[in-house]
Amino acid sequence: MEKVAIDEVDVVNNPLGVHSIRKPVSQALGTDDFAMNYFELEPGESFSGGLHTHHDQEEVFYVQDGEATFEVGREREEVSVAAGECIRFAPGEFQMGTNESDERTIGFALGAPKARHDFEEMESIVPCRECGEETAHELDLTDEGAFHLTCTECGTEFTMG
């Protein structure tokens, strides 16, 4: 059995600097098969920093306080999730959650069956620096903690973060 208070979990943010507070609760608990991250998003901040998918993990977001707007799918359909509501994304479903309100949003991102991201199983939709279009990019984390992206259309590579 492991127990931790959210206030005791260290802040470990995304290297892109897209949120003020992210606490990897599952890391503090030592989970192997379940991911849980606590977020406090100020207006304009996001859970992840870009439209992405996990091919090996389903994700559920719970909004405890405030509101989050999710862009869903390559078409970027907008779905609003209010306090007390949850939204689920199947493996392979593109999504991005943002606080588009004027107030702080508090929420949790929950994922299974893994406690940590397998970056080889993720894709992000970003503008390609060569193609000029928004295309799928394979994602990897560098030793320096930045994201290395490779366009699946033309093979262009670049680093962010």
C-alpha atoms as a PDB file:
ATOM      1  CA  MET A   1       0.000   0.000   0.000  1.00  0.00           C
ATOM      2  CA  GLU A   2       1.210   3.492  -0.838  1.00  0.00           C
ATOM      3  CA  LYS A   3      -0.351   6.802   0.189  1.00  0.00           C
ATOM      4  CA  VAL A   4       0.481  10.378  -0.797  1.00  0.00           C
ATOM      5  CA  ALA A   5      -1.102  13.813  -0.419  1.00  0.00           C
ATOM      6  CA  ILE A   6      -1.289  15.877  -3.628  1.00  0.00           C
ATOM      7  CA  ASP A   7       0.367  18.783  -1.773  1.00  0.00           C
ATOM      8  CA  GLU A   8       3.394  16.540  -1.085  1.00  0.00           C
ATOM      9  CA  VAL A   9       3.964  15.566  -4.747  1.00  0.00           C
ATOM     10  CA  ASP A  10       6.735  17.527  -6.488  1.00  0.00           C
ATOM     11  CA  VAL A  11       5.892  19.665  -9.534  1.00  0.00           C
ATOM     12  CA  VAL A  12       7.337  18.182 -12.768  1.00  0.00           C
ATOM     13  CA  ASN A  13       6.181  20.175 -15.788  1.00  0.00           C
ATOM     14  CA  ASN A  14       6.140  19.458 -19.523  1.00  0.00           C
ATOM     15  CA  PRO A  15       9.405  20.655 -21.171  1.00  0.00           C
ATOM     16  CA  LEU A  16       7.349  22.887 -23.484  1.00  0.00           C
ATOM     17  CA  GLY A  17       6.280  25.066 -20.537  1.00  0.00           C
ATOM     18  CA  VAL A  18       2.562  24.789 -21.340  1.00  0.00           C
ATOM     19  CA  HIS A  19       1.302  24.575 -17.749  1.00  0.00           C
ATOM     20  CA  SER A  20       2.231  25.990 -14.341  1.00  0.00           C
ATOM     21  CA  ILE A  21       1.607  22.937 -12.181  1.00  0.00           C
ATOM     22  CA  ARG A  22       1.759  19.238 -13.086  1.00  0.00           C
ATOM     23  CA  LYS A  23       2.247  16.700 -10.312  1.00  0.00           C
ATOM     24  CA  PRO A  24       2.967  13.091 -11.363  1.00  0.00           C
ATOM     25  CA  VAL A  25       0.937  11.359  -8.641  1.00  0.00           C
ATOM     26  CA  SER A  26       1.443   7.869 -10.068  1.00  0.00           C
ATOM     27  CA  GLN A  27       5.216   8.366  -9.939  1.00  0.00           C
ATOM     28  CA  ALA A  28       4.972   9.347  -6.265  1.00  0.00           C
ATOM     29  CA  LEU A  29       2.873   6.217  -5.626  1.00  0.00           C
ATOM     30  CA  GLY A  30       5.204   3.989  -7.657  1.00  0.00           C
ATOM     31  CA  THR A  31       2.534   2.623 -10.002  1.00  0.00           C
ATOM     32  CA  ASP A  32       3.460   0.411 -12.969  1.00  0.00           C
ATOM     33  CA  ASP A  33       0.155   0.006 -14.823  1.00  0.00           C
ATOM     34  CA  PHE A  34      -1.680   3.270 -14.209  1.00  0.00           C
ATOM     35  CA  ALA A  35      -0.805   6.943 -14.789  1.00  0.00           C
ATOM     36  CA  MET A  36      -2.231   9.802 -12.739  1.00  0.00           C
ATOM     37  CA  ASN A  37      -1.201  13.436 -13.061  1.00  0.00           C
ATOM     38  CA  TYR A  38      -2.635  16.409 -11.169  1.00  0.00           C
ATOM     39  CA  PHE A  39      -2.819  19.754 -13.003  1.00  0.00           C
ATOM     40  CA  GLU A  40      -3.512  23.363 -12.156  1.00  0.00           C
ATOM     41  CA  LEU A  41      -3.979  25.284 -15.397  1.00  0.00           C
ATOM     42  CA  GLU A  42      -4.019  29.059 -15.493  1.00  0.00           C
ATOM     43  CA  PRO A  43      -6.008  30.725 -18.327  1.00  0.00           C
ATOM     44  CA  GLY A  44      -4.469  29.787 -21.693  1.00  0.00           C
ATOM     45  CA  GLU A  45      -2.480  26.817 -20.342  1.00  0.00           C
ATOM     46  CA  SER A  46      -2.905  23.217 -21.504  1.00  0.00           C
ATOM     47  CA  PHE A  47      -2.500  19.697 -20.185  1.00  0.00           C
ATOM     48  CA  SER A  48      -0.086  18.644 -22.944  1.00  0.00           C
ATOM     49  CA  GLY A  49       0.873  21.436 -25.298  1.00  0.00           C
ATOM     50  CA  GLY A  50      -0.411  19.981 -28.540  1.00  0.00           C
ATOM     51  CA  LEU A  51      -2.862  17.732 -30.340  1.00  0.00           C
ATOM     52  CA  HIS A  52      -1.542  14.209 -29.712  1.00  0.00           C
ATOM     53  CA  THR A  53      -2.457  10.575 -29.239  1.00  0.00           C
ATOM     54  CA  HIS A  54      -1.188   7.613 -27.262  1.00  0.00           C
ATOM     55  CA  HIS A  55      -1.402   4.452 -29.346  1.00  0.00           C
ATOM     56  CA  ASP A  56      -0.776   2.281 -26.289  1.00  0.00           C
ATOM     57  CA  GLN A  57      -2.843   4.023 -23.604  1.00  0.00           C
ATOM     58  CA  GLU A  58      -6.374   5.241 -23.028  1.00  0.00           C
ATOM     59  CA  GLU A  59      -6.734   8.508 -21.135  1.00  0.00           C
ATOM     60  CA  VAL A  60      -9.442   9.920 -18.897  1.00  0.00           C
ATOM     61  CA  PHE A  61      -9.476  13.539 -17.753  1.00  0.00           C
ATOM     62  CA  TYR A  62     -11.423  14.603 -14.668  1.00  0.00           C
ATOM     63  CA  VAL A  63     -12.056  18.330 -14.155  1.00  0.00           C
ATOM     64  CA  GLN A  64     -12.276  18.991 -10.433  1.00  0.00           C
ATOM     65  CA  ASP A  65     -12.657  22.763 -10.610  1.00  0.00           C
ATOM     66  CA  GLY A  66     -13.143  25.175 -13.500  1.00  0.00           C
ATOM     67  CA  GLU A  67     -13.527  24.101 -17.109  1.00  0.00           C
ATOM     68  CA  ALA A  68     -11.363  22.595 -19.845  1.00  0.00           C
ATOM     69  CA  THR A  69     -11.926  22.697 -23.594  1.00  0.00           C
ATOM     70  CA  PHE A  70     -10.699  19.681 -25.533  1.00  0.00           C
ATOM     71  CA  GLU A  71      -9.905  19.565 -29.227  1.00  0.00           C
ATOM     72  CA  VAL A  72     -10.771  16.057 -30.367  1.00  0.00           C
ATOM     73  CA  GLY A  73      -9.639  14.215 -33.487  1.00  0.00           C
ATOM     74  CA  ARG A  74      -7.787  15.548 -36.488  1.00  0.00           C
ATOM     75  CA  GLU A  75     -10.852  17.711 -37.165  1.00  0.00           C
ATOM     76  CA  ARG A  76     -10.343  19.387 -33.761  1.00  0.00           C
ATOM     77  CA  GLU A  77     -13.970  19.139 -32.647  1.00  0.00           C
ATOM     78  CA  GLU A  78     -14.323  21.218 -29.470  1.00  0.00           C
ATOM     79  CA  VAL A  79     -15.790  19.601 -26.359  1.00  0.00           C
ATOM     80  CA  SER A  80     -16.203  21.496 -23.082  1.00  0.00           C
ATOM     81  CA  VAL A  81     -15.697  19.606 -19.806  1.00  0.00           C
ATOM     82  CA  ALA A  82     -16.982  21.331 -16.650  1.00  0.00           C
ATOM     83  CA  ALA A  83     -16.190  20.769 -12.976  1.00  0.00           C
ATOM     84  CA  GLY A  84     -17.325  17.315 -11.900  1.00  0.00           C
ATOM     85  CA  GLU A  85     -17.196  15.914 -15.457  1.00  0.00           C
ATOM     86  CA  CYS A  86     -14.884  13.397 -17.130  1.00  0.00           C
ATOM     87  CA  ILE A  87     -13.887  12.736 -20.730  1.00  0.00           C
ATOM     88  CA  ARG A  88     -12.288   9.539 -22.118  1.00  0.00           C
ATOM     89  CA  PHE A  89      -9.985   9.103 -25.115  1.00  0.00           C
ATOM     90  CA  ALA A  90      -9.360   5.696 -26.654  1.00  0.00           C
ATOM     91  CA  PRO A  91      -5.868   4.662 -27.765  1.00  0.00           C
ATOM     92  CA  GLY A  92      -5.157   6.334 -31.118  1.00  0.00           C
ATOM     93  CA  GLU A  93      -7.672   9.170 -30.591  1.00  0.00           C
ATOM     94  CA  PHE A  94      -6.099  12.624 -30.976  1.00  0.00           C
ATOM     95  CA  GLN A  95      -6.842  15.174 -28.245  1.00  0.00           C
ATOM     96  CA  MET A  96      -5.617  18.316 -26.506  1.00  0.00           C
ATOM     97  CA  GLY A  97      -7.102  19.962 -23.408  1.00  0.00           C
ATOM     98  CA  THR A  98      -6.787  23.691 -22.674  1.00  0.00           C
ATOM     99  CA  ASN A  99      -8.081  26.142 -20.090  1.00  0.00           C
ATOM    100  CA  GLU A 100      -9.822  28.729 -22.261  1.00  0.00           C
ATOM    101  CA  SER A 101     -11.612  30.360 -19.329  1.00  0.00           C
ATOM    102  CA  ASP A 102     -10.603  33.357 -17.200  1.00  0.00           C
ATOM    103  CA  GLU A 103     -10.297  31.206 -14.041  1.00  0.00           C
ATOM    104  CA  ARG A 104      -7.901  28.465 -12.911  1.00  0.00           C
ATOM    105  CA  THR A 105      -8.770  24.892 -13.903  1.00  0.00           C
ATOM    106  CA  ILE A 106      -7.855  21.998 -11.618  1.00  0.00           C
ATOM    107  CA  GLY A 107      -7.970  18.479 -13.017  1.00  0.00           C
ATOM    108  CA  PHE A 108      -6.464  15.032 -13.290  1.00  0.00           C
ATOM    109  CA  ALA A 109      -5.203  13.052 -16.278  1.00  0.00           C
ATOM    110  CA  LEU A 110      -5.536   9.293 -15.782  1.00  0.00           C
ATOM    111  CA  GLY A 111      -4.114   6.677 -18.131  1.00  0.00           C
ATOM    112  CA  ALA A 112      -3.744   2.931 -18.444  1.00  0.00           C
ATOM    113  CA  PRO A 113      -2.234   0.407 -18.972  1.00  0.00           C
ATOM    114  CA  LYS A 114       1.071   2.191 -18.344  1.00  0.00           C
ATOM    115  CA  ALA A 115       2.335   4.532 -15.637  1.00  0.00           C
ATOM    116  CA  ARG A 116       4.789   6.335 -17.940  1.00  0.00           C
ATOM    117  CA  HIS A 117       4.656   7.409 -21.562  1.00  0.00           C
ATOM    118  CA  ASP A 118       6.219   5.230 -24.208  1.00  0.00           C
ATOM    119  CA  PHE A 119       7.145   8.066 -26.567  1.00  0.00           C
ATOM    120  CA  GLU A 120       7.496   5.632 -29.484  1.00  0.00           C
ATOM    121  CA  GLU A 121       3.739   5.021 -29.121  1.00  0.00           C
ATOM    122  CA  MET A 122       2.810   8.716 -29.348  1.00  0.00           C
ATOM    123  CA  GLU A 123       2.105  11.030 -32.269  1.00  0.00           C
ATOM    124  CA  SER A 124       1.607  14.793 -32.300  1.00  0.00           C
ATOM    125  CA  ILE A 125      -0.106  16.922 -34.927  1.00  0.00           C
ATOM    126  CA  VAL A 126       2.092  19.996 -35.506  1.00  0.00           C
ATOM    127  CA  PRO A 127       3.032  22.181 -38.479  1.00  0.00           C
ATOM    128  CA  CYS A 128       5.895  20.545 -40.366  1.00  0.00           C
ATOM    129  CA  ARG A 129       8.834  22.867 -40.879  1.00  0.00           C
ATOM    130  CA  GLU A 130       9.374  21.398 -44.368  1.00  0.00           C
ATOM    131  CA  CYS A 131       5.850  20.531 -45.609  1.00  0.00           C
ATOM    132  CA  GLY A 132       4.255  23.619 -44.067  1.00  0.00           C
ATOM    133  CA  GLU A 133       1.095  21.636 -43.276  1.00  0.00           C
ATOM    134  CA  GLU A 134      -0.126  20.238 -39.978  1.00  0.00           C
ATOM    135  CA  THR A 135       0.999  16.621 -40.138  1.00  0.00           C
ATOM    136  CA  ALA A 136       1.480  13.719 -37.756  1.00  0.00           C
ATOM    137  CA  HIS A 137       4.914  13.609 -36.148  1.00  0.00           C
ATOM    138  CA  GLU A 138       6.538  10.757 -34.278  1.00  0.00           C
ATOM    139  CA  LEU A 139       7.729  11.882 -30.868  1.00  0.00           C
ATOM    140  CA  ASP A 140      10.761  11.088 -28.750  1.00  0.00           C
ATOM    141  CA  LEU A 141      12.217  12.617 -25.585  1.00  0.00           C
ATOM    142  CA  THR A 142      15.877  13.709 -25.761  1.00  0.00           C
ATOM    143  CA  ASP A 143      18.384  13.236 -22.942  1.00  0.00           C
ATOM    144  CA  GLU A 144      18.103  16.992 -22.327  1.00  0.00           C
ATOM    145  CA  GLY A 145      14.331  16.693 -21.721  1.00  0.00           C
ATOM    146  CA  ALA A 146      13.208  18.258 -25.011  1.00  0.00           C
ATOM    147  CA  PHE A 147      10.923  16.698 -27.621  1.00  0.00           C
ATOM    148  CA  HIS A 148      12.417  15.377 -30.868  1.00  0.00           C
ATOM    149  CA  LEU A 149       9.788  15.223 -33.632  1.00  0.00           C
ATOM    150  CA  THR A 150       9.882  13.486 -37.030  1.00  0.00           C
ATOM    151  CA  CYS A 151       7.297  14.268 -39.721  1.00  0.00           C
ATOM    152  CA  THR A 152       5.593  11.058 -40.867  1.00  0.00           C
ATOM    153  CA  GLU A 153       5.007  12.618 -44.311  1.00  0.00           C
ATOM    154  CA  CYS A 154       8.463  13.865 -45.351  1.00  0.00           C
ATOM    155  CA  GLY A 155      10.846  12.722 -42.587  1.00  0.00           C
ATOM    156  CA  THR A 156      11.866  16.231 -41.467  1.00  0.00           C
ATOM    157  CA  GLU A 157      13.214  16.203 -37.925  1.00  0.00           C
ATOM    158  CA  PHE A 158      13.363  19.015 -35.343  1.00  0.00           C
ATOM    159  CA  THR A 159      13.531  19.517 -31.578  1.00  0.00           C
ATOM    160  CA  MET A 160      11.174  21.545 -29.350  1.00  0.00           C
ATOM    161  CA  GLY A 161      11.435  22.497 -25.710  1.00  0.00           C
END
